Protein backbone atom coordinates (compact mmCIF):
# COMPACT_ATOMS: atom_id res chain seq x y z
CA UNK A 1 -19.58 -137.57 39.32
CA UNK A 2 -16.83 -135.96 37.40
CA UNK A 3 -17.54 -137.74 34.25
CA UNK A 4 -21.34 -137.32 34.49
CA UNK A 5 -20.88 -133.55 34.93
CA UNK A 6 -18.69 -133.22 31.78
CA UNK A 7 -21.16 -135.35 29.54
CA UNK A 8 -23.93 -133.13 30.91
CA UNK A 9 -21.91 -129.96 29.82
CA UNK A 10 -21.37 -131.32 26.29
CA UNK A 11 -25.08 -132.62 26.04
CA UNK A 12 -26.29 -129.06 27.10
CA UNK A 13 -23.95 -127.59 24.61
CA UNK A 14 -22.20 -125.45 27.03
CA UNK A 15 -18.90 -126.78 25.64
CA UNK A 16 -18.42 -128.75 22.54
CA UNK A 17 -16.22 -131.12 23.95
CA UNK A 18 -13.10 -131.69 26.33
CA UNK A 19 -10.13 -133.47 27.66
CA UNK A 20 -9.70 -134.02 31.33
CA UNK A 21 -6.53 -135.45 32.84
CA UNK A 22 -6.14 -135.97 36.62
CA UNK A 23 -2.77 -136.99 38.05
CA UNK A 24 -2.09 -137.69 41.79
CA UNK A 25 1.25 -138.55 43.25
CA UNK A 26 2.54 -138.62 39.50
CA UNK A 27 0.14 -141.31 38.63
CA UNK A 28 -2.69 -141.05 36.23
CA UNK A 29 -6.04 -141.29 38.02
CA UNK A 30 -8.39 -140.13 35.23
CA UNK A 31 -7.75 -139.36 31.41
CA UNK A 32 -10.77 -139.14 29.22
CA UNK A 33 -12.04 -137.13 26.14
CA UNK A 34 -15.65 -136.16 25.44
CA UNK A 35 -17.61 -134.44 22.81
CA UNK A 36 -16.63 -133.26 19.27
CA UNK A 37 -16.04 -130.02 17.45
CA UNK A 38 -16.64 -128.79 13.68
CA UNK A 39 -13.33 -128.49 11.79
CA UNK A 40 -12.70 -125.68 9.24
CA UNK A 41 -14.51 -127.61 6.60
CA UNK A 42 -17.54 -127.63 8.88
CA UNK A 43 -17.27 -131.52 9.36
CA UNK A 44 -17.82 -132.91 12.83
CA UNK A 45 -14.68 -134.24 14.34
CA UNK A 46 -14.55 -136.28 17.56
CA UNK A 47 -12.06 -134.92 20.52
CA UNK A 48 -9.46 -137.51 21.47
CA UNK A 49 -7.18 -137.74 24.38
CA UNK A 50 -4.35 -136.64 22.10
CA UNK A 51 -6.46 -133.85 20.44
CA UNK A 52 -4.18 -130.63 20.20
CA UNK A 53 -5.60 -127.50 21.73
CA UNK A 54 -4.86 -123.81 21.47
CA UNK A 55 -3.94 -123.21 25.10
CA UNK A 56 -4.20 -119.46 24.94
CA UNK A 57 -2.80 -117.92 28.00
CA UNK A 58 -1.39 -121.20 29.35
CA UNK A 59 1.48 -120.01 27.05
CA UNK A 60 2.54 -117.39 29.87
CA UNK A 61 3.40 -120.21 32.15
CA UNK A 62 4.41 -122.90 29.64
CA UNK A 63 6.54 -120.88 27.43
CA UNK A 64 7.33 -117.23 28.86
CA UNK A 65 7.68 -117.95 32.60
CA UNK A 66 10.09 -121.03 32.40
CA UNK A 67 12.08 -119.40 29.47
CA UNK A 68 12.77 -116.41 31.76
CA UNK A 69 13.74 -118.83 34.62
CA UNK A 70 16.05 -120.84 32.11
CA UNK A 71 17.90 -117.69 31.47
CA UNK A 72 17.95 -116.68 34.95
CA UNK A 73 19.44 -120.13 35.78
CA UNK A 74 21.99 -119.48 33.20
CA UNK A 75 22.69 -116.20 34.80
CA UNK A 76 21.96 -114.44 31.52
CA UNK A 77 19.54 -112.02 33.19
CA UNK A 78 18.34 -111.10 36.42
CA UNK A 79 14.74 -110.72 37.61
CA UNK A 80 15.40 -107.24 39.17
CA UNK A 81 16.83 -105.90 35.86
CA UNK A 82 14.69 -103.27 34.15
CA UNK A 83 12.87 -104.09 31.14
CA UNK A 84 14.27 -100.96 29.59
CA UNK A 85 17.81 -102.19 29.73
CA UNK A 86 16.79 -105.00 27.16
CA UNK A 87 14.29 -103.00 25.32
CA UNK A 88 15.18 -99.36 25.20
CA UNK A 89 12.10 -98.62 23.12
CA UNK A 90 9.92 -99.35 26.41
CA UNK A 91 9.96 -95.88 28.03
CA UNK A 92 9.14 -96.94 31.67
CA UNK A 93 12.62 -97.39 33.20
CA UNK A 94 11.68 -98.42 36.49
CA UNK A 95 9.63 -101.45 35.70
CA UNK A 96 11.66 -104.71 36.14
CA UNK A 97 11.15 -108.28 34.76
CA UNK A 98 9.69 -109.38 38.18
CA UNK A 99 7.05 -106.74 37.89
CA UNK A 100 5.98 -108.08 34.71
CA UNK A 101 5.69 -111.73 35.90
CA UNK A 102 3.89 -110.59 39.03
CA UNK A 103 1.43 -108.55 36.87
CA UNK A 104 2.35 -105.72 38.94
CA UNK A 105 3.86 -103.33 36.51
CA UNK A 106 1.14 -100.85 36.09
CA UNK A 107 0.58 -101.90 32.55
CA UNK A 108 -3.03 -102.06 31.44
CA UNK A 109 -4.51 -105.52 30.85
CA UNK A 110 -4.73 -105.12 27.15
CA UNK A 111 -4.70 -103.03 24.10
CA UNK A 112 -7.86 -101.66 22.51
CA UNK A 113 -9.42 -104.56 20.45
CA UNK A 114 -8.64 -104.78 16.71
CA UNK A 115 -9.96 -107.59 14.40
CA UNK A 116 -7.22 -110.23 13.83
CA UNK A 117 -6.77 -109.09 10.35
CA UNK A 118 -6.36 -105.41 10.95
CA UNK A 119 -2.87 -104.14 10.50
CA UNK A 120 -1.31 -102.82 13.70
CA UNK A 121 2.20 -102.49 15.08
CA UNK A 122 1.58 -104.32 18.27
CA UNK A 123 5.00 -103.75 19.77
CA UNK A 124 5.02 -100.03 19.02
CA UNK A 125 1.57 -99.70 20.72
CA UNK A 126 3.00 -101.52 23.97
CA UNK A 127 6.22 -99.51 24.11
CA UNK A 128 4.01 -96.26 24.26
CA UNK A 129 1.33 -97.47 26.41
CA UNK A 130 0.69 -95.44 29.71
CA UNK A 131 0.78 -97.01 33.18
CA UNK A 132 -2.32 -97.26 35.09
CA UNK A 133 -0.53 -97.22 38.49
CA UNK A 134 2.79 -97.35 39.97
CA UNK A 135 4.94 -100.38 39.58
CA UNK A 136 4.54 -102.63 42.51
CA UNK A 137 1.48 -101.05 43.71
CA UNK A 138 -1.17 -103.52 42.61
CA UNK A 139 -1.90 -106.39 40.32
CA UNK A 140 -3.55 -106.14 37.15
CA UNK A 141 -3.33 -109.16 34.87
CA UNK A 142 -1.64 -108.02 31.61
CA UNK A 143 -1.11 -109.52 28.23
CA UNK A 144 1.31 -106.65 27.56
CA UNK A 145 3.74 -107.43 30.09
CA UNK A 146 4.10 -111.08 29.07
CA UNK A 147 4.54 -109.89 25.33
CA UNK A 148 7.40 -107.73 26.37
CA UNK A 149 8.95 -110.69 28.38
CA UNK A 150 8.71 -112.65 24.98
CA UNK A 151 10.85 -109.93 23.35
CA UNK A 152 13.25 -109.76 26.41
CA UNK A 153 13.71 -113.68 25.89
CA UNK A 154 14.43 -113.15 22.13
CA UNK A 155 16.79 -110.35 22.84
CA UNK A 156 18.94 -112.10 25.57
CA UNK A 157 19.00 -115.62 23.70
CA UNK A 158 19.41 -114.30 20.04
CA UNK A 159 16.67 -116.58 19.00
CA UNK A 160 12.94 -116.31 18.14
CA UNK A 161 10.81 -117.05 21.21
CA UNK A 162 9.24 -120.11 19.36
CA UNK A 163 12.95 -121.57 18.65
CA UNK A 164 14.22 -120.77 21.98
CA UNK A 165 11.19 -122.49 23.73
CA UNK A 166 11.31 -125.58 21.49
CA UNK A 167 15.02 -126.10 21.90
CA UNK A 168 15.77 -124.85 25.56
CA UNK A 169 12.39 -125.91 27.17
CA UNK A 170 10.04 -128.20 25.50
CA UNK A 171 12.53 -130.68 24.00
CA UNK A 172 14.33 -131.21 27.30
CA UNK A 173 11.28 -131.40 29.34
CA UNK A 174 9.91 -134.02 26.89
CA UNK A 175 6.85 -131.94 25.55
CA UNK A 176 6.89 -133.38 22.21
CA UNK A 177 3.36 -132.27 21.24
CA UNK A 178 3.85 -128.51 22.47
CA UNK A 179 4.82 -125.84 19.99
CA UNK A 180 4.04 -122.45 18.55
CA UNK A 181 3.16 -122.45 14.79
CA UNK A 182 1.64 -125.69 14.19
CA UNK A 183 2.93 -127.10 10.92
CA UNK A 184 0.27 -127.82 8.14
CA UNK A 185 0.35 -131.52 8.43
CA UNK A 186 -0.88 -131.13 12.26
CA UNK A 187 -3.36 -128.42 11.89
CA UNK A 188 -6.22 -130.77 11.32
CA UNK A 189 -5.40 -132.49 14.72
CA UNK A 190 -6.30 -129.28 16.75
CA UNK A 191 -9.66 -128.62 18.01
CA UNK A 192 -11.20 -125.67 16.31
CA UNK A 193 -11.78 -122.41 18.33
CA UNK A 194 -14.07 -119.81 16.98
CA UNK A 195 -16.14 -119.11 13.90
CA UNK A 196 -14.39 -116.40 12.03
CA UNK A 197 -15.75 -114.97 8.80
CA UNK A 198 -16.64 -118.05 7.01
CA UNK A 199 -15.04 -120.93 8.86
CA UNK A 200 -13.84 -122.08 12.21
CA UNK A 201 -10.48 -121.17 13.08
CA UNK A 202 -8.28 -124.47 13.27
CA UNK A 203 -4.55 -124.94 13.88
CA UNK A 204 -3.94 -121.11 13.92
CA UNK A 205 -3.92 -118.99 17.01
CA UNK A 206 -7.10 -117.63 18.15
CA UNK A 207 -5.58 -114.72 20.19
CA UNK A 208 -5.62 -111.43 18.05
CA UNK A 209 -2.33 -109.81 19.06
CA UNK A 210 -0.67 -113.04 19.09
CA UNK A 211 -1.90 -113.66 15.26
CA UNK A 212 -0.73 -110.11 14.71
CA UNK A 213 2.47 -110.88 15.99
CA UNK A 214 2.97 -113.70 13.47
CA UNK A 215 1.66 -116.43 15.97
CA UNK A 216 4.60 -116.22 18.33
CA UNK A 217 3.89 -114.28 21.55
CA UNK A 218 4.84 -114.21 25.18
CA UNK A 219 0.98 -114.05 25.90
CA UNK A 220 -0.51 -116.63 23.61
CA UNK A 221 0.27 -118.92 20.63
CA UNK A 222 1.16 -122.32 22.15
CA UNK A 223 -0.57 -125.56 21.08
CA UNK A 224 -0.45 -128.57 23.33
CA UNK A 225 -2.09 -131.69 24.60
CA UNK A 226 -3.19 -132.89 27.94
CA UNK A 227 -0.64 -135.40 28.22
CA UNK A 228 2.18 -132.85 27.60
CA UNK A 229 0.55 -130.33 30.08
CA UNK A 230 0.50 -132.94 32.79
CA UNK A 231 4.30 -133.65 32.01
CA UNK A 232 4.97 -130.10 32.18
CA UNK A 233 3.06 -129.58 35.50
CA UNK A 234 4.87 -132.51 37.16
CA UNK A 235 8.11 -130.60 36.83
CA UNK A 236 6.54 -127.94 39.14
CA UNK A 237 5.41 -130.69 41.69
CA UNK A 238 9.01 -132.17 41.64
CA UNK A 239 11.53 -129.57 40.74
CA UNK A 240 14.36 -131.39 42.02
CA UNK A 241 13.79 -133.98 39.39
CA UNK A 242 14.66 -131.58 36.48
CA UNK A 243 17.88 -129.78 35.69
CA UNK A 244 16.82 -127.19 33.40
CA UNK A 245 15.70 -124.53 35.99
CA UNK A 246 17.36 -124.19 39.57
CA UNK A 247 14.67 -125.76 41.79
CA UNK A 248 14.87 -122.96 44.26
CA UNK A 249 13.87 -120.58 41.26
CA UNK A 250 10.84 -122.73 40.65
CA UNK A 251 9.70 -123.02 44.18
CA UNK A 252 10.14 -119.46 44.54
CA UNK A 253 7.99 -118.67 41.40
CA UNK A 254 5.03 -120.49 43.04
CA UNK A 255 5.06 -118.85 46.36
CA UNK A 256 2.20 -116.26 46.95
CA UNK A 257 3.46 -112.87 46.60
CA UNK A 258 0.47 -110.34 46.38
CA UNK A 259 -3.12 -110.48 45.41
CA UNK A 260 -3.23 -114.28 44.91
CA UNK A 261 -0.26 -114.20 42.36
CA UNK A 262 3.15 -115.64 42.28
CA UNK A 263 5.56 -115.23 39.19
CA UNK A 264 3.41 -116.12 36.29
CA UNK A 265 1.07 -118.12 38.17
CA UNK A 266 -1.99 -117.44 40.08
CA UNK A 267 -1.30 -118.70 43.58
CA UNK A 268 -4.24 -119.22 45.99
CA UNK A 269 -3.48 -117.29 49.30
CA UNK A 270 -6.72 -118.79 50.93
CA UNK A 271 -8.11 -115.26 51.27
CA UNK A 272 -9.80 -112.85 48.89
CA UNK A 273 -11.93 -113.60 46.00
CA UNK A 274 -11.75 -117.35 45.10
CA UNK A 275 -9.80 -118.13 41.90
CA UNK A 276 -10.97 -120.39 38.92
CA UNK A 277 -10.69 -123.46 41.14
CA UNK A 278 -13.43 -122.29 43.67
CA UNK A 279 -12.69 -122.06 47.16
CA UNK A 280 -12.34 -125.85 48.24
CA UNK A 281 -8.49 -126.20 47.23
CA UNK A 282 -6.02 -125.31 49.94
CA UNK A 283 -3.77 -122.37 49.98
CA UNK A 284 -0.62 -122.86 48.04
CA UNK A 285 -2.40 -124.37 45.06
CA UNK A 286 -1.41 -122.66 41.95
CA UNK A 287 -2.30 -122.74 38.26
CA UNK A 288 -3.33 -120.68 35.32
CA UNK A 289 -6.33 -120.49 32.63
CA UNK A 290 -6.58 -119.68 29.01
CA UNK A 291 -9.24 -117.76 27.16
CA UNK A 292 -10.27 -120.48 24.68
CA UNK A 293 -11.08 -122.71 27.80
CA UNK A 294 -8.05 -124.30 29.04
CA UNK A 295 -6.68 -124.56 32.47
CA UNK A 296 -3.99 -126.33 34.41
CA UNK A 297 -3.97 -126.50 38.27
CA UNK A 298 -1.61 -128.07 40.78
CA UNK A 299 -2.21 -128.78 44.45
CA UNK A 300 1.49 -129.30 46.19
CA UNK A 301 -0.38 -130.34 49.32
CA UNK A 302 -2.11 -133.43 47.75
CA UNK A 303 0.40 -133.75 44.93
CA UNK A 304 -2.78 -133.36 42.45
CA UNK A 305 -2.56 -132.05 38.98
CA UNK A 306 -5.67 -131.05 36.87
CA UNK A 307 -5.39 -130.18 33.14
CA UNK A 308 -8.75 -129.30 31.66
CA UNK A 309 -8.75 -128.59 27.92
CA UNK A 310 -11.89 -127.44 26.07
CA UNK A 311 -12.48 -125.08 22.99
CA UNK A 312 -15.35 -123.24 24.79
CA UNK A 313 -15.17 -120.37 22.52
CA UNK A 314 -16.32 -122.75 19.57
CA UNK A 315 -19.83 -121.70 20.60
CA UNK A 316 -18.83 -117.99 20.96
CA UNK A 317 -17.16 -115.81 23.43
CA UNK A 318 -20.10 -115.53 25.91
CA UNK A 319 -19.11 -118.93 27.59
CA UNK A 320 -19.76 -120.32 31.12
CA UNK A 321 -16.09 -121.29 31.47
CA UNK A 322 -15.59 -119.60 34.62
CA UNK A 323 -18.51 -121.01 36.66
CA UNK A 324 -17.62 -124.51 34.87
CA UNK A 325 -14.12 -124.40 36.03
CA UNK A 326 -15.09 -123.64 39.68
CA UNK A 327 -17.77 -126.49 39.80
CA UNK A 328 -15.33 -128.98 37.92
CA UNK A 329 -12.35 -128.30 40.16
CA UNK A 330 -14.55 -128.39 43.27
CA UNK A 331 -15.98 -131.82 42.26
CA UNK A 332 -12.43 -133.06 41.56
CA UNK A 333 -11.14 -132.03 44.93
CA UNK A 334 -14.04 -133.53 46.85
CA UNK A 335 -13.69 -136.78 44.96
CA UNK A 336 -9.94 -137.15 45.69
CA UNK A 337 -10.06 -135.50 49.20
CA UNK A 338 -13.35 -136.58 51.01
CA UNK A 339 -14.07 -134.69 54.07
CA UNK A 340 -13.33 -136.64 57.22
CA UNK A 341 -16.14 -138.29 58.99
């Protein structure tokens, strides 16, 4: 049923292709690739199981959140610390790192749109952004908060975000195909995203602000594969089996806090507007999505991990990815958890 649905999506040109990886109880249940894409030379390339994807906002939970938790485990920072104490240029002194992780800082969702090639000082704009509401009052999913966290990581560690994530996170967790800034010899292995000016973007970050920040940002910029993301997700299912981050910190991060959010992750409370997984998954399920078409969802109750990677923006930004995700994840949950007779 799931395979048929994905083939139909490709056939109907709702997505160019995809990789779907389903793991249950730490065992591979389903791992297949579908479809193709046009590369930067406008040549058709098949999508393989090891195709690299621009994972967009999965960066927030694959690089930024765990890097903050690594530094917290090392007692090099505290989640209740103010952002201002690390970044004095940021004028809102009562916003904490935890506010940024919860998306409850009061910062708006984004900066005004500018073309990726336009010159702009992203950090100066963020430092001087007015709040939309009081910190802690409500949640507004914000790229700006995650970009600030990336800069905090750099300030505390003394390393660039991409280097810190590589050395202190990706290597120890065995994420060998996960990185910022794809080297030239790997760019052709990445699924192209959007048509821009005279060619498809391939192997370079799709997100405008991340591009304007040099390709390295707390909100976007990571490239990865389905296999790496499943390996990453398994650490959240079995936090005691790793030693990088204190397990209690990982468990705390995926607890529901407010408005279907934990720290970094979306966390399904079982109430309110259903998230991108639809309404079948049990409360306590957590995950994240990326604008390019990517998603990773984890169900602790069923020890289920779903990684779905597609470059949906290949056909433009007006995609059906939100409804596709709900349908797909509902099909998967039903297949692996059939209702009792």
